[in-house]
Amino acid sequence: MSREKPIQVKSGWQMLPLHLTMLIGSILATIAIAVWSKETGNPPWPLIATIPLIVVSAVFMCGFFTLQPNEARVLVLFGDYRGTVRESGFFWANPFYTKLQMSLRTRNMETQRLKVNDKRGNPIEIAAVVVWQIQDTAQACFDVNRYEEYVKIQSETAVRHLANTYAYDHGEEGETTLRSSVEEVSAALCKELQDRVGKAGVIVEEARLTHLAYAQEIANAMLRRQQAEAIIAARQKIVHGAVSMVQMALDELAAKEVVELDNERKAAMVSNLLVVLCGEAEVTPVVNTGTLYT
């Protein structure tokens, strides 16, 4: 794999006066020689030196370039990688260098909404956002073809693999799922992405899911299942609380010797309290003027 290496280039402010003087001086010398030749009638043989000097000076002027903060220039000389300039400023380098400009700024990329199957085979829709930047300019330029497209395709591949690895929800106790284990899923996605795009000289700073839902064809069925599970869970808590309250009432009555209840009366009391505590509708009391036995 390619590896980035720094290269020293000259300051453009130091080289600019020299090359401007050379260019302007050669132009003025050419004009002066042409005038002298016309006035004296002598052959303008000195132009043999001044005209090539103008061409050389013009070529040297092509060596100037500027860099803004968080930008880099990859310098290549006739197919040979010579180094990368990362410092911002005004510089001059060999005019025959091919100067490939690259941005080192942090970038955001959101994948398309992908329709895939989760670990349990349920079709789901999933999308993610990836925050990345170039770390090694040589790898980005020479080891992959069009690194931006490479990162995009690998990101979608990683998201597909992530969806196949985890269940959407309703996992076993302690199981990592896409919906409930956000931090664990994000860390796993970031690690897989880094393994995939590392050869392109890219570092992944963050990766998170931005869209997660059941596919349209099973969304209604899954919604009904979630509603049923929510109702069952709520009922379980209501019943558990009601049983605890009934037990507390019986214990308090027995401890304070308010009334002595035989098994039949306890059963009636438990039944009535459970109806009152677990019922959804408001309870209308019925006053018994007799006893349980008449």
Protein backbone atom coordinates (compact mmCIF):
# COMPACT_ATOMS: atom_id res chain seq x y z
CA MET A 1 0.00 0.00 0.00
CA SER A 2 1.04 3.58 -0.59
CA ARG A 3 2.12 5.71 2.35
CA GLU A 4 1.97 9.47 2.60
CA LYS A 5 5.29 11.29 2.96
CA PRO A 6 5.90 15.01 3.49
CA ILE A 7 7.85 17.06 0.98
CA GLN A 8 9.61 20.39 1.41
CA VAL A 9 8.65 23.10 -1.08
CA LYS A 10 9.89 26.67 -1.35
CA SER A 11 8.00 29.70 -0.16
CA GLY A 12 6.18 31.39 -3.01
CA TRP A 13 6.92 34.85 -1.61
CA GLN A 14 10.66 34.21 -1.83
CA MET A 15 10.57 32.81 -5.37
CA LEU A 16 8.08 35.30 -6.83
CA PRO A 17 10.49 38.31 -7.09
CA LEU A 18 13.19 36.13 -8.66
CA HIS A 19 10.95 34.67 -11.37
CA LEU A 20 9.22 37.97 -12.05
CA THR A 21 12.59 39.66 -12.49
CA MET A 22 13.72 36.88 -14.83
CA LEU A 23 10.53 37.04 -16.91
CA ILE A 24 10.32 40.83 -17.14
CA GLY A 25 14.07 41.16 -17.74
CA SER A 26 14.04 38.63 -20.60
CA ILE A 27 11.05 40.37 -22.22
CA LEU A 28 12.71 43.79 -21.99
CA ALA A 29 15.99 42.37 -23.30
CA THR A 30 14.20 40.84 -26.28
CA ILE A 31 12.50 44.15 -27.08
CA ALA A 32 15.76 46.06 -26.75
CA ILE A 33 17.62 43.62 -29.02
CA ALA A 34 14.87 43.83 -31.63
CA VAL A 35 15.02 47.65 -31.62
CA TRP A 36 18.81 47.65 -31.75
CA SER A 37 18.81 45.21 -34.65
CA LYS A 38 16.32 47.33 -36.59
CA GLU A 39 18.23 50.58 -36.04
CA THR A 40 21.71 49.22 -36.77
CA GLY A 41 20.78 46.66 -39.38
CA ASN A 42 22.74 43.96 -37.56
CA PRO A 43 21.27 40.43 -37.28
CA PRO A 44 19.39 39.87 -33.98
CA TRP A 45 21.52 36.93 -32.97
CA PRO A 46 21.14 37.66 -29.17
CA LEU A 47 17.48 36.67 -29.49
CA ILE A 48 18.69 33.08 -29.58
CA ALA A 49 19.32 33.42 -25.82
CA THR A 50 16.55 35.82 -24.74
CA ILE A 51 13.56 34.05 -26.35
CA PRO A 52 14.28 30.67 -24.68
CA LEU A 53 14.78 32.60 -21.44
CA ILE A 54 11.26 34.01 -21.77
CA VAL A 55 9.87 30.50 -22.29
CA VAL A 56 11.77 29.13 -19.30
CA SER A 57 10.62 32.01 -17.10
CA ALA A 58 7.00 31.47 -18.14
CA VAL A 59 7.29 27.76 -17.34
CA PHE A 60 8.77 28.52 -13.91
CA MET A 61 5.79 30.80 -13.16
CA CYS A 62 3.56 27.71 -13.39
CA GLY A 63 5.19 26.32 -10.25
CA PHE A 64 3.28 28.61 -7.86
CA PHE A 65 0.28 27.29 -5.93
CA THR A 66 -1.70 28.13 -2.78
CA LEU A 67 -3.19 25.96 -0.05
CA GLN A 68 -6.06 26.84 2.26
CA PRO A 69 -6.38 25.39 5.78
CA ASN A 70 -7.33 21.68 5.79
CA GLU A 71 -6.24 21.19 2.20
CA ALA A 72 -3.36 19.20 0.73
CA ARG A 73 -1.52 18.88 -2.57
CA VAL A 74 -0.19 15.53 -3.73
CA LEU A 75 2.88 16.10 -5.94
CA VAL A 76 3.60 13.60 -8.73
CA LEU A 77 6.53 13.92 -11.15
CA PHE A 78 6.10 11.92 -14.36
CA GLY A 79 4.13 9.21 -12.56
CA ASP A 80 6.40 9.10 -9.50
CA TYR A 81 4.84 10.12 -6.17
CA ARG A 82 7.16 12.65 -4.53
CA GLY A 83 5.22 13.76 -1.44
CA THR A 84 2.31 15.70 0.02
CA VAL A 85 2.12 19.33 1.15
CA ARG A 86 -0.32 19.90 4.04
CA GLU A 87 0.67 23.37 5.30
CA SER A 88 -1.50 26.27 4.20
CA GLY A 89 0.10 29.21 2.39
CA PHE A 90 1.72 30.33 -0.89
CA PHE A 91 4.38 27.97 -2.30
CA TRP A 92 6.52 27.20 -5.31
CA ALA A 93 7.54 23.75 -6.51
CA ASN A 94 8.89 22.15 -9.63
CA PRO A 95 6.55 23.31 -12.43
CA PHE A 96 6.56 19.81 -13.91
CA TYR A 97 4.89 18.39 -10.79
CA THR A 98 1.32 17.22 -11.21
CA LYS A 99 -0.42 18.84 -8.24
CA LEU A 100 -3.47 16.88 -7.10
CA GLN A 101 -5.56 18.93 -4.70
CA MET A 102 -7.41 17.13 -1.88
CA SER A 103 -9.64 18.34 0.94
CA LEU A 104 -8.80 17.21 4.48
CA ARG A 105 -12.01 18.58 5.97
CA THR A 106 -14.47 16.37 7.85
CA ARG A 107 -17.31 15.17 5.64
CA ASN A 108 -20.82 13.83 6.22
CA MET A 109 -22.39 11.15 4.10
CA GLU A 110 -25.85 9.64 4.52
CA THR A 111 -26.56 6.29 2.95
CA GLN A 112 -29.74 5.54 1.06
CA ARG A 113 -32.60 3.80 2.81
CA LEU A 114 -31.80 0.16 2.27
CA LYS A 115 -34.31 -2.67 2.43
CA VAL A 116 -32.66 -5.71 4.01
CA ASN A 117 -33.48 -8.64 6.29
CA ASP A 118 -32.48 -8.57 9.93
CA LYS A 119 -31.04 -11.51 11.87
CA ARG A 120 -34.49 -13.10 12.22
CA GLY A 121 -35.33 -12.66 8.54
CA ASN A 122 -37.74 -9.76 8.99
CA PRO A 123 -37.54 -7.17 6.18
CA ILE A 124 -36.54 -3.76 7.53
CA GLU A 125 -35.56 -0.33 6.19
CA ILE A 126 -32.28 1.07 7.47
CA ALA A 127 -30.03 4.06 6.78
CA ALA A 128 -26.99 5.60 8.47
CA VAL A 129 -24.88 8.74 8.51
CA VAL A 130 -21.08 8.47 8.36
CA VAL A 131 -18.63 11.18 9.44
CA TRP A 132 -15.21 10.72 7.85
CA GLN A 133 -12.09 12.47 6.62
CA ILE A 134 -8.92 11.66 4.70
CA GLN A 135 -6.00 10.59 6.86
CA ASP A 136 -3.49 9.36 4.24
CA THR A 137 -3.56 11.28 0.96
CA ALA A 138 -1.31 8.79 -0.85
CA GLN A 139 -3.63 5.88 -0.15
CA ALA A 140 -6.69 7.91 -1.16
CA CYS A 141 -5.07 8.86 -4.48
CA PHE A 142 -3.27 5.70 -5.52
CA ASP A 143 -4.73 2.67 -3.69
CA VAL A 144 -8.41 3.03 -4.66
CA ASN A 145 -10.27 4.39 -7.65
CA ARG A 146 -12.38 7.47 -6.75
CA TYR A 147 -12.16 7.30 -2.98
CA GLU A 148 -15.46 9.17 -2.38
CA GLU A 149 -17.43 6.59 -4.34
CA TYR A 150 -15.45 3.84 -2.63
CA VAL A 151 -16.45 5.16 0.82
CA LYS A 152 -20.09 5.42 -0.24
CA ILE A 153 -20.31 1.85 -1.54
CA GLN A 154 -18.45 0.37 1.42
CA SER A 155 -20.71 2.28 3.83
CA GLU A 156 -23.84 0.79 2.28
CA THR A 157 -22.25 -2.66 2.38
CA ALA A 158 -21.40 -2.26 6.06
CA VAL A 159 -24.95 -1.14 6.88
CA ARG A 160 -26.38 -4.19 5.08
CA HIS A 161 -24.07 -6.51 6.99
CA LEU A 162 -24.97 -4.81 10.28
CA ALA A 163 -28.68 -5.34 9.65
CA ASN A 164 -28.08 -9.04 8.93
CA THR A 165 -26.06 -9.41 12.14
CA TYR A 166 -28.57 -8.05 14.66
CA ALA A 167 -32.29 -8.48 15.20
CA TYR A 168 -34.54 -5.44 14.89
CA ASP A 169 -35.91 -5.88 18.41
CA HIS A 170 -37.44 -8.45 20.78
CA GLY A 171 -34.14 -10.20 21.33
CA GLU A 172 -33.38 -12.63 24.11
CA GLU A 173 -32.37 -11.33 27.51
CA GLY A 174 -29.09 -9.44 27.15
CA GLU A 175 -29.09 -9.71 23.33
CA THR A 176 -28.00 -6.66 21.33
CA THR A 177 -30.71 -5.39 18.97
CA LEU A 178 -30.80 -2.57 16.45
CA ARG A 179 -33.53 -0.61 18.20
CA SER A 180 -32.62 -0.98 21.86
CA SER A 181 -28.79 -1.08 21.78
CA VAL A 182 -28.00 2.18 20.02
CA GLU A 183 -24.49 2.72 21.37
CA GLU A 184 -23.36 -0.87 20.82
CA VAL A 185 -24.72 -0.92 17.26
CA SER A 186 -23.09 2.43 16.45
CA ALA A 187 -19.73 1.21 17.77
CA ALA A 188 -19.98 -2.00 15.75
CA LEU A 189 -20.88 -0.06 12.59
CA CYS A 190 -18.00 2.37 13.09
CA LYS A 191 -15.50 -0.46 13.59
CA GLU A 192 -16.65 -2.37 10.51
CA LEU A 193 -16.57 0.77 8.40
CA GLN A 194 -13.04 1.56 9.52
CA ASP A 195 -11.92 -1.94 8.57
CA ARG A 196 -13.47 -1.53 5.13
CA VAL A 197 -12.33 2.00 4.21
CA GLY A 198 -8.94 1.94 5.94
CA LYS A 199 -7.20 0.92 2.70
CA ALA A 200 -8.43 4.17 1.15
CA GLY A 201 -6.59 6.26 3.73
CA VAL A 202 -9.88 7.30 5.35
CA ILE A 203 -10.63 7.51 9.07
CA VAL A 204 -14.24 7.12 10.28
CA GLU A 205 -14.99 9.51 13.13
CA GLU A 206 -18.60 8.52 13.77
CA ALA A 207 -21.33 6.31 12.32
CA ARG A 208 -24.95 6.20 13.49
CA LEU A 209 -28.27 4.89 12.25
CA THR A 210 -30.60 7.65 11.06
CA HIS A 211 -33.55 5.52 9.95
CA LEU A 212 -34.80 2.19 11.26
CA ALA A 213 -38.25 0.74 10.59
CA TYR A 214 -39.99 -2.41 9.51
CA ALA A 215 -40.62 -2.74 5.77
CA GLN A 216 -44.02 -1.58 4.57
CA GLU A 217 -45.38 -5.07 3.89
CA ILE A 218 -45.01 -6.18 7.53
CA ALA A 219 -45.24 -2.83 9.31
CA ASN A 220 -48.94 -3.19 10.24
CA ALA A 221 -48.52 -6.74 11.53
CA MET A 222 -45.48 -5.77 13.59
CA LEU A 223 -47.33 -2.75 14.98
CA ARG A 224 -50.18 -4.95 16.16
CA ARG A 225 -47.68 -7.31 17.76
CA GLN A 226 -45.98 -4.43 19.56
CA GLN A 227 -49.35 -3.17 20.79
CA ALA A 228 -50.29 -6.62 22.03
CA GLU A 229 -46.98 -7.03 23.82
CA ALA A 230 -47.37 -3.60 25.39
CA ILE A 231 -50.87 -4.50 26.63
CA ILE A 232 -49.61 -7.81 28.04
CA ALA A 233 -46.71 -6.10 29.79
CA ALA A 234 -49.05 -3.48 31.27
CA ARG A 235 -51.48 -6.17 32.45
CA GLN A 236 -48.67 -8.08 34.10
CA LYS A 237 -47.64 -5.01 36.08
CA ILE A 238 -51.24 -4.27 37.04
CA VAL A 239 -51.84 -7.82 38.25
CA HIS A 240 -48.53 -7.91 40.10
CA GLY A 241 -49.38 -4.65 41.85
CA ALA A 242 -52.91 -5.79 42.65
CA VAL A 243 -51.73 -9.05 44.20
CA SER A 244 -49.21 -7.14 46.30
CA MET A 245 -51.92 -4.75 47.53
CA VAL A 246 -54.30 -7.61 48.38
CA GLN A 247 -51.54 -9.39 50.29
CA MET A 248 -50.73 -6.18 52.15
CA ALA A 249 -54.40 -5.67 53.05
CA LEU A 250 -54.76 -9.20 54.40
CA ASP A 251 -51.52 -8.91 56.38
CA GLU A 252 -52.58 -5.57 57.88
CA LEU A 253 -56.00 -6.92 58.86
CA ALA A 254 -54.45 -9.97 60.49
CA ALA A 255 -51.68 -8.01 62.24
CA LYS A 256 -54.05 -5.43 63.75
CA GLU A 257 -56.74 -8.06 64.49
CA VAL A 258 -59.41 -5.94 62.85
CA VAL A 259 -61.40 -8.93 61.73
CA GLU A 260 -60.91 -12.65 61.52
CA LEU A 261 -61.53 -14.09 58.09
CA ASP A 262 -61.95 -17.71 57.25
CA ASN A 263 -60.84 -19.09 53.91
CA GLU A 264 -64.16 -18.43 52.21
CA ARG A 265 -64.28 -14.80 53.31
CA LYS A 266 -60.61 -14.33 52.30
CA ALA A 267 -61.41 -15.76 48.86
CA ALA A 268 -64.35 -13.38 48.45
CA MET A 269 -62.27 -10.43 49.59
CA VAL A 270 -59.43 -11.31 47.24
CA SER A 271 -61.84 -11.70 44.34
CA ASN A 272 -63.49 -8.34 45.00
CA LEU A 273 -60.19 -6.49 45.43
CA LEU A 274 -58.75 -7.94 42.24
CA VAL A 275 -61.82 -6.92 40.30
CA VAL A 276 -61.57 -3.39 41.69
CA LEU A 277 -57.81 -3.06 41.11
CA CYS A 278 -57.56 -4.80 37.73
CA GLY A 279 -60.77 -3.71 36.08
CA GLU A 280 -60.67 -1.03 33.40
CA ALA A 281 -64.19 0.32 34.06
CA GLU A 282 -65.24 2.11 37.21
CA VAL A 283 -66.53 -0.36 39.82
CA THR A 284 -70.03 0.04 41.25
CA PRO A 285 -70.16 -1.38 44.78
CA VAL A 286 -72.99 -3.69 45.88
CA VAL A 287 -73.89 -3.44 49.55
CA ASN A 288 -74.69 -6.78 51.17
CA THR A 289 -77.10 -6.38 54.08
CA GLY A 290 -76.87 -9.97 55.06
CA THR A 291 -73.93 -12.35 55.34
CA LEU A 292 -71.95 -14.44 52.94
CA TYR A 293 -74.04 -17.43 54.02
CA THR A 294 -77.57 -16.01 53.52
